[in-house]
Amino acid sequence: MDVKILGAGCAKCEQLERAARAVIEREGIDATVTKIDDITDILAYGVMITPALVVDEKVVVKGRVPSNDELTKLLTI
């Protein structure tokens, strides 16, 4: 699984990255996590508000930090 966290370094972006990494570790998910902070790269995903979560090149969350339960569902599909 390829997971990308889109965000320019704001507190919520960092929170999403920590939460996603925690779920991946806790659930034993085989995933590569990449943090993307370049605005041009973020806009290429059609994201206008961060943070955003991209799973296997599909934007699944944008503009908020999902709950741990929601994050677990998104990452264990």
PDB file of N, CA and C in Angstrom:
ATOM      1  N   MET A   1       0.848  -1.168   0.000  1.00  0.00           N
ATOM      2  CA  MET A   1       0.000   0.000   0.000  1.00  0.00           C
ATOM      3  C   MET A   1       0.898   1.236   0.000  1.00  0.00           C
ATOM      4  N   ASP A   2       0.482   2.222  -0.755  1.00  0.00           N
ATOM      5  CA  ASP A   2       1.209   3.485  -0.844  1.00  0.00           C
ATOM      6  C   ASP A   2       0.360   4.568  -0.179  1.00  0.00           C
ATOM      7  N   VAL A   3       0.872   5.149   0.900  1.00  0.00           N
ATOM      8  CA  VAL A   3       0.150   6.169   1.655  1.00  0.00           C
ATOM      9  C   VAL A   3       0.923   7.476   1.561  1.00  0.00           C
ATOM     10  N   LYS A   4       0.215   8.536   1.232  1.00  0.00           N
ATOM     11  CA  LYS A   4       0.838   9.859   1.161  1.00  0.00           C
ATOM     12  C   LYS A   4       0.072  10.818   2.058  1.00  0.00           C
ATOM     13  N   ILE A   5       0.819  11.599   2.792  1.00  0.00           N
ATOM     14  CA  ILE A   5       0.261  12.665   3.616  1.00  0.00           C
ATOM     15  C   ILE A   5       0.601  13.964   2.907  1.00  0.00           C
ATOM     16  N   LEU A   6      -0.428  14.713   2.527  1.00  0.00           N
ATOM     17  CA  LEU A   6      -0.214  15.987   1.847  1.00  0.00           C
ATOM     18  C   LEU A   6      -0.403  17.118   2.841  1.00  0.00           C
ATOM     19  N   GLY A   7       0.615  17.951   2.971  1.00  0.00           N
ATOM     20  CA  GLY A   7       0.516  19.081   3.881  1.00  0.00           C
ATOM     21  C   GLY A   7       1.822  19.829   3.981  1.00  0.00           C
ATOM     22  N   ALA A   8       1.718  21.111   4.217  1.00  0.00           N
ATOM     23  CA  ALA A   8       2.886  21.980   4.222  1.00  0.00           C
ATOM     24  C   ALA A   8       3.530  22.135   5.598  1.00  0.00           C
ATOM     25  N   GLY A   9       3.193  21.281   6.535  1.00  0.00           N
ATOM     26  CA  GLY A   9       3.847  21.332   7.835  1.00  0.00           C
ATOM     27  C   GLY A   9       3.019  21.937   8.947  1.00  0.00           C
ATOM     28  N   CYS A  10       1.735  22.143   8.718  1.00  0.00           N
ATOM     29  CA  CYS A  10       0.881  22.695   9.774  1.00  0.00           C
ATOM     30  C   CYS A  10       0.676  21.641  10.859  1.00  0.00           C
ATOM     31  N   ALA A  11       0.145  22.052  11.978  1.00  0.00           N
ATOM     32  CA  ALA A  11      -0.057  21.141  13.108  1.00  0.00           C
ATOM     33  C   ALA A  11      -0.976  19.978  12.743  1.00  0.00           C
ATOM     34  N   LYS A  12      -2.044  20.251  12.000  1.00  0.00           N
ATOM     35  CA  LYS A  12      -2.970  19.181  11.616  1.00  0.00           C
ATOM     36  C   LYS A  12      -2.321  18.208  10.632  1.00  0.00           C
ATOM     37  N   CYS A  13      -1.446  18.719   9.789  1.00  0.00           N
ATOM     38  CA  CYS A  13      -0.730  17.851   8.850  1.00  0.00           C
ATOM     39  C   CYS A  13       0.171  16.885   9.621  1.00  0.00           C
ATOM     40  N   GLU A  14       0.865  17.411  10.607  1.00  0.00           N
ATOM     41  CA  GLU A  14       1.730  16.570  11.443  1.00  0.00           C
ATOM     42  C   GLU A  14       0.900  15.567  12.238  1.00  0.00           C
ATOM     43  N   GLN A  15      -0.257  15.989  12.717  1.00  0.00           N
ATOM     44  CA  GLN A  15      -1.148  15.115  13.475  1.00  0.00           C
ATOM     45  C   GLN A  15      -1.630  13.952  12.593  1.00  0.00           C
ATOM     46  N   LEU A  16      -1.996  14.245  11.355  1.00  0.00           N
ATOM     47  CA  LEU A  16      -2.442  13.202  10.431  1.00  0.00           C
ATOM     48  C   LEU A  16      -1.311  12.218  10.142  1.00  0.00           C
ATOM     49  N   GLU A  17      -0.122  12.730   9.945  1.00  0.00           N
ATOM     50  CA  GLU A  17       1.011  11.839   9.676  1.00  0.00           C
ATOM     51  C   GLU A  17       1.267  10.909  10.861  1.00  0.00           C
ATOM     52  N   ARG A  18       1.288  11.451  12.063  1.00  0.00           N
ATOM     53  CA  ARG A  18       1.507  10.615  13.262  1.00  0.00           C
ATOM     54  C   ARG A  18       0.406   9.566  13.412  1.00  0.00           C
ATOM     55  N   ALA A  19      -0.841   9.983  13.208  1.00  0.00           N
ATOM     56  CA  ALA A  19      -1.968   9.066  13.359  1.00  0.00           C
ATOM     57  C   ALA A  19      -1.918   7.953  12.310  1.00  0.00           C
ATOM     58  N   ALA A  20      -1.625   8.297  11.074  1.00  0.00           N
ATOM     59  CA  ALA A  20      -1.556   7.291  10.007  1.00  0.00           C
ATOM     60  C   ALA A  20      -0.430   6.300  10.283  1.00  0.00           C
ATOM     61  N   ARG A  21       0.727   6.801  10.675  1.00  0.00           N
ATOM     62  CA  ARG A  21       1.845   5.901  10.982  1.00  0.00           C
ATOM     63  C   ARG A  21       1.511   4.992  12.163  1.00  0.00           C
ATOM     64  N   ALA A  22       0.808   5.515  13.154  1.00  0.00           N
ATOM     65  CA  ALA A  22       0.431   4.712  14.325  1.00  0.00           C
ATOM     66  C   ALA A  22      -0.521   3.583  13.926  1.00  0.00           C
ATOM     67  N   VAL A  23      -1.517   3.889  13.089  1.00  0.00           N
ATOM     68  CA  VAL A  23      -2.465   2.860  12.640  1.00  0.00           C
ATOM     69  C   VAL A  23      -1.734   1.800  11.814  1.00  0.00           C
ATOM     70  N   ILE A  24      -0.867   2.225  10.925  1.00  0.00           N
ATOM     71  CA  ILE A  24      -0.117   1.293  10.078  1.00  0.00           C
ATOM     72  C   ILE A  24       0.727   0.354  10.940  1.00  0.00           C
ATOM     73  N   GLU A  25       1.387   0.910  11.937  1.00  0.00           N
ATOM     74  CA  GLU A  25       2.209   0.086  12.824  1.00  0.00           C
ATOM     75  C   GLU A  25       1.335  -0.848  13.668  1.00  0.00           C
ATOM     76  N   ARG A  26       0.287  -0.312  14.268  1.00  0.00           N
ATOM     77  CA  ARG A  26      -0.582  -1.091  15.140  1.00  0.00           C
ATOM     78  C   ARG A  26      -1.249  -2.256  14.407  1.00  0.00           C
ATOM     79  N   GLU A  27      -1.677  -1.998  13.169  1.00  0.00           N
ATOM     80  CA  GLU A  27      -2.392  -3.020  12.399  1.00  0.00           C
ATOM     81  C   GLU A  27      -1.463  -3.918  11.592  1.00  0.00           C
ATOM     82  N   GLY A  28      -0.174  -3.619  11.608  1.00  0.00           N
ATOM     83  CA  GLY A  28       0.788  -4.427  10.860  1.00  0.00           C
ATOM     84  C   GLY A  28       0.603  -4.330   9.352  1.00  0.00           C
ATOM     85  N   ILE A  29       0.232  -3.158   8.891  1.00  0.00           N
ATOM     86  CA  ILE A  29      -0.031  -2.941   7.464  1.00  0.00           C
ATOM     87  C   ILE A  29       1.295  -2.751   6.727  1.00  0.00           C
ATOM     88  N   ASP A  30       1.422  -3.435   5.595  1.00  0.00           N
ATOM     89  CA  ASP A  30       2.596  -3.279   4.744  1.00  0.00           C
ATOM     90  C   ASP A  30       2.368  -2.038   3.883  1.00  0.00           C
ATOM     91  N   ALA A  31       2.946  -0.931   4.295  1.00  0.00           N
ATOM     92  CA  ALA A  31       2.706   0.333   3.594  1.00  0.00           C
ATOM     93  C   ALA A  31       3.966   1.182   3.566  1.00  0.00           C
ATOM     94  N   THR A  32       4.057   1.962   2.526  1.00  0.00           N
ATOM     95  CA  THR A  32       5.090   2.980   2.409  1.00  0.00           C
ATOM     96  C   THR A  32       4.407   4.317   2.649  1.00  0.00           C
ATOM     97  N   VAL A  33       4.922   5.089   3.608  1.00  0.00           N
ATOM     98  CA  VAL A  33       4.341   6.392   3.930  1.00  0.00           C
ATOM     99  C   VAL A  33       5.279   7.486   3.441  1.00  0.00           C
ATOM    100  N   THR A  34       4.717   8.403   2.677  1.00  0.00           N
ATOM    101  CA  THR A  34       5.481   9.520   2.142  1.00  0.00           C
ATOM    102  C   THR A  34       4.797  10.812   2.541  1.00  0.00           C
ATOM    103  N   LYS A  35       5.581  11.771   2.988  1.00  0.00           N
ATOM    104  CA  LYS A  35       5.065  13.108   3.324  1.00  0.00           C
ATOM    105  C   LYS A  35       5.354  14.019   2.145  1.00  0.00           C
ATOM    106  N   ILE A  36       4.321  14.651   1.613  1.00  0.00           N
ATOM    107  CA  ILE A  36       4.479  15.565   0.486  1.00  0.00           C
ATOM    108  C   ILE A  36       4.136  16.967   0.961  1.00  0.00           C
ATOM    109  N   ASP A  37       5.121  17.868   0.885  1.00  0.00           N
ATOM    110  CA  ASP A  37       4.910  19.223   1.365  1.00  0.00           C
ATOM    111  C   ASP A  37       5.096  20.292   0.287  1.00  0.00           C
ATOM    112  N   ASP A  38       5.413  19.885  -0.922  1.00  0.00           N
ATOM    113  CA  ASP A  38       5.557  20.838  -2.019  1.00  0.00           C
ATOM    114  C   ASP A  38       4.171  21.201  -2.555  1.00  0.00           C
ATOM    115  N   ILE A  39       3.860  22.469  -2.568  1.00  0.00           N
ATOM    116  CA  ILE A  39       2.526  22.927  -2.944  1.00  0.00           C
ATOM    117  C   ILE A  39       2.142  22.514  -4.364  1.00  0.00           C
ATOM    118  N   THR A  40       3.094  22.492  -5.270  1.00  0.00           N
ATOM    119  CA  THR A  40       2.816  22.077  -6.649  1.00  0.00           C
ATOM    120  C   THR A  40       2.394  20.617  -6.687  1.00  0.00           C
ATOM    121  N   ASP A  41       3.089  19.780  -5.928  1.00  0.00           N
ATOM    122  CA  ASP A  41       2.740  18.356  -5.871  1.00  0.00           C
ATOM    123  C   ASP A  41       1.371  18.153  -5.212  1.00  0.00           C
ATOM    124  N   ILE A  42       1.087  18.934  -4.175  1.00  0.00           N
ATOM    125  CA  ILE A  42      -0.204  18.837  -3.492  1.00  0.00           C
ATOM    126  C   ILE A  42      -1.330  19.230  -4.449  1.00  0.00           C
ATOM    127  N   LEU A  43      -1.147  20.318  -5.174  1.00  0.00           N
ATOM    128  CA  LEU A  43      -2.169  20.776  -6.120  1.00  0.00           C
ATOM    129  C   LEU A  43      -2.386  19.774  -7.255  1.00  0.00           C
ATOM    130  N   ALA A  44      -1.358  19.005  -7.598  1.00  0.00           N
ATOM    131  CA  ALA A  44      -1.479  17.997  -8.656  1.00  0.00           C
ATOM    132  C   ALA A  44      -2.512  16.925  -8.286  1.00  0.00           C
ATOM    133  N   TYR A  45      -2.766  16.753  -6.990  1.00  0.00           N
ATOM    134  CA  TYR A  45      -3.795  15.805  -6.538  1.00  0.00           C
ATOM    135  C   TYR A  45      -5.180  16.457  -6.483  1.00  0.00           C
ATOM    136  N   GLY A  46      -5.265  17.732  -6.845  1.00  0.00           N
ATOM    137  CA  GLY A  46      -6.548  18.430  -6.797  1.00  0.00           C
ATOM    138  C   GLY A  46      -6.935  18.851  -5.392  1.00  0.00           C
ATOM    139  N   VAL A  47      -5.974  18.873  -4.493  1.00  0.00           N
ATOM    140  CA  VAL A  47      -6.221  19.229  -3.095  1.00  0.00           C
ATOM    141  C   VAL A  47      -5.964  20.715  -2.914  1.00  0.00           C
ATOM    142  N   MET A  48      -6.976  21.404  -2.400  1.00  0.00           N
ATOM    143  CA  MET A  48      -6.849  22.840  -2.177  1.00  0.00           C
ATOM    144  C   MET A  48      -6.721  23.172  -0.685  1.00  0.00           C
ATOM    145  N   ILE A  49      -7.040  22.215   0.167  1.00  0.00           N
ATOM    146  CA  ILE A  49      -6.957  22.427   1.610  1.00  0.00           C
ATOM    147  C   ILE A  49      -6.329  21.190   2.240  1.00  0.00           C
ATOM    148  N   THR A  50      -5.381  21.426   3.120  1.00  0.00           N
ATOM    149  CA  THR A  50      -4.682  20.320   3.774  1.00  0.00           C
ATOM    150  C   THR A  50      -5.081  20.256   5.236  1.00  0.00           C
ATOM    151  N   PRO A  51      -4.836  19.158   5.887  1.00  0.00           N
ATOM    152  CA  PRO A  51      -4.102  17.989   5.424  1.00  0.00           C
ATOM    153  C   PRO A  51      -4.963  17.115   4.519  1.00  0.00           C
ATOM    154  N   ALA A  52      -4.287  16.243   3.781  1.00  0.00           N
ATOM    155  CA  ALA A  52      -4.993  15.286   2.943  1.00  0.00           C
ATOM    156  C   ALA A  52      -4.285  13.943   3.036  1.00  0.00           C
ATOM    157  N   LEU A  53      -5.067  12.890   2.860  1.00  0.00           N
ATOM    158  CA  LEU A  53      -4.543  11.531   2.904  1.00  0.00           C
ATOM    159  C   LEU A  53      -4.816  10.881   1.554  1.00  0.00           C
ATOM    160  N   VAL A  54      -3.765  10.342   0.966  1.00  0.00           N
ATOM    161  CA  VAL A  54      -3.862   9.670  -0.326  1.00  0.00           C
ATOM    162  C   VAL A  54      -3.474   8.210  -0.112  1.00  0.00           C
ATOM    163  N   VAL A  55      -4.360   7.296  -0.519  1.00  0.00           N
ATOM    164  CA  VAL A  55      -4.078   5.868  -0.405  1.00  0.00           C
ATOM    165  C   VAL A  55      -4.098   5.282  -1.807  1.00  0.00           C
ATOM    166  N   ASP A  56      -2.956   4.712  -2.196  1.00  0.00           N
ATOM    167  CA  ASP A  56      -2.818   4.132  -3.541  1.00  0.00           C
ATOM    168  C   ASP A  56      -3.304   5.099  -4.613  1.00  0.00           C
ATOM    169  N   GLU A  57      -2.827   6.337  -4.514  1.00  0.00           N
ATOM    170  CA  GLU A  57      -3.073   7.422  -5.474  1.00  0.00           C
ATOM    171  C   GLU A  57      -4.510   7.930  -5.506  1.00  0.00           C
ATOM    172  N   LYS A  58      -5.317   7.577  -4.515  1.00  0.00           N
ATOM    173  CA  LYS A  58      -6.681   8.097  -4.426  1.00  0.00           C
ATOM    174  C   LYS A  58      -6.789   8.975  -3.181  1.00  0.00           C
ATOM    175  N   VAL A  59      -7.237  10.214  -3.345  1.00  0.00           N
ATOM    176  CA  VAL A  59      -7.437  11.115  -2.208  1.00  0.00           C
ATOM    177  C   VAL A  59      -8.659  10.615  -1.437  1.00  0.00           C
ATOM    178  N   VAL A  60      -8.443  10.219  -0.175  1.00  0.00           N
ATOM    179  CA  VAL A  60      -9.542   9.672   0.623  1.00  0.00           C
ATOM    180  C   VAL A  60     -10.005  10.617   1.726  1.00  0.00           C
ATOM    181  N   VAL A  61      -9.160  11.564   2.108  1.00  0.00           N
ATOM    182  CA  VAL A  61      -9.519  12.564   3.119  1.00  0.00           C
ATOM    183  C   VAL A  61      -8.819  13.862   2.751  1.00  0.00           C
ATOM    184  N   LYS A  62      -9.547  14.976   2.886  1.00  0.00           N
ATOM    185  CA  LYS A  62      -8.876  16.269   2.702  1.00  0.00           C
ATOM    186  C   LYS A  62      -9.513  17.308   3.612  1.00  0.00           C
ATOM    187  N   GLY A  63      -8.649  18.180   4.118  1.00  0.00           N
ATOM    188  CA  GLY A  63      -9.110  19.294   4.932  1.00  0.00           C
ATOM    189  C   GLY A  63      -9.394  18.981   6.382  1.00  0.00           C
ATOM    190  N   ARG A  64      -9.070  17.764   6.824  1.00  0.00           N
ATOM    191  CA  ARG A  64      -9.343  17.402   8.221  1.00  0.00           C
ATOM    192  C   ARG A  64      -8.504  16.199   8.626  1.00  0.00           C
ATOM    193  N   VAL A  65      -8.481  15.962   9.924  1.00  0.00           N
ATOM    194  CA  VAL A  65      -7.825  14.778  10.466  1.00  0.00           C
ATOM    195  C   VAL A  65      -8.936  13.803  10.863  1.00  0.00           C
ATOM    196  N   PRO A  66      -8.985  12.634  10.235  1.00  0.00           N
ATOM    197  CA  PRO A  66     -10.042  11.671  10.565  1.00  0.00           C
ATOM    198  C   PRO A  66      -9.822  11.060  11.950  1.00  0.00           C
ATOM    199  N   SER A  67     -10.898  10.520  12.518  1.00  0.00           N
ATOM    200  CA  SER A  67     -10.783   9.825  13.800  1.00  0.00           C
ATOM    201  C   SER A  67      -9.929   8.572  13.611  1.00  0.00           C
ATOM    202  N   ASN A  68      -9.442   8.019  14.709  1.00  0.00           N
ATOM    203  CA  ASN A  68      -8.648   6.793  14.629  1.00  0.00           C
ATOM    204  C   ASN A  68      -9.446   5.652  14.015  1.00  0.00           C
ATOM    205  N   ASP A  69     -10.727   5.552  14.355  1.00  0.00           N
ATOM    206  CA  ASP A  69     -11.567   4.494  13.785  1.00  0.00           C
ATOM    207  C   ASP A  69     -11.695   4.653  12.272  1.00  0.00           C
ATOM    208  N   GLU A  70     -11.947   5.879  11.819  1.00  0.00           N
ATOM    209  CA  GLU A  70     -12.076   6.124  10.386  1.00  0.00           C
ATOM    210  C   GLU A  70     -10.762   5.848   9.669  1.00  0.00           C
ATOM    211  N   LEU A  71      -9.679   6.287  10.271  1.00  0.00           N
ATOM    212  CA  LEU A  71      -8.357   6.065   9.687  1.00  0.00           C
ATOM    213  C   LEU A  71      -8.054   4.581   9.575  1.00  0.00           C
ATOM    214  N   THR A  72      -8.404   3.831  10.594  1.00  0.00           N
ATOM    215  CA  THR A  72      -8.192   2.384  10.562  1.00  0.00           C
ATOM    216  C   THR A  72      -8.993   1.758   9.429  1.00  0.00           C
ATOM    217  N   LYS A  73     -10.235   2.161   9.243  1.00  0.00           N
ATOM    218  CA  LYS A  73     -11.061   1.629   8.147  1.00  0.00           C
ATOM    219  C   LYS A  73     -10.465   1.981   6.794  1.00  0.00           C
ATOM    220  N   LEU A  74      -9.994   3.210   6.645  1.00  0.00           N
ATOM    221  CA  LEU A  74      -9.431   3.649   5.372  1.00  0.00           C
ATOM    222  C   LEU A  74      -8.146   2.893   5.012  1.00  0.00           C
ATOM    223  N   LEU A  75      -7.378   2.537   6.033  1.00  0.00           N
ATOM    224  CA  LEU A  75      -6.083   1.910   5.783  1.00  0.00           C
ATOM    225  C   LEU A  75      -6.116   0.388   5.820  1.00  0.00           C
ATOM    226  N   THR A  76      -7.243  -0.196   6.186  1.00  0.00           N
ATOM    227  CA  THR A  76      -7.319  -1.660   6.226  1.00  0.00           C
ATOM    228  C   THR A  76      -8.292  -2.219   5.198  1.00  0.00           C
ATOM    229  N   ILE A  77      -8.566  -1.465   4.187  1.00  0.00           N
ATOM    230  CA  ILE A  77      -9.489  -1.904   3.127  1.00  0.00           C
ATOM    231  C   ILE A  77      -8.829  -2.998   2.310  1.00  0.00           C
TER     232      ILE A  77
END
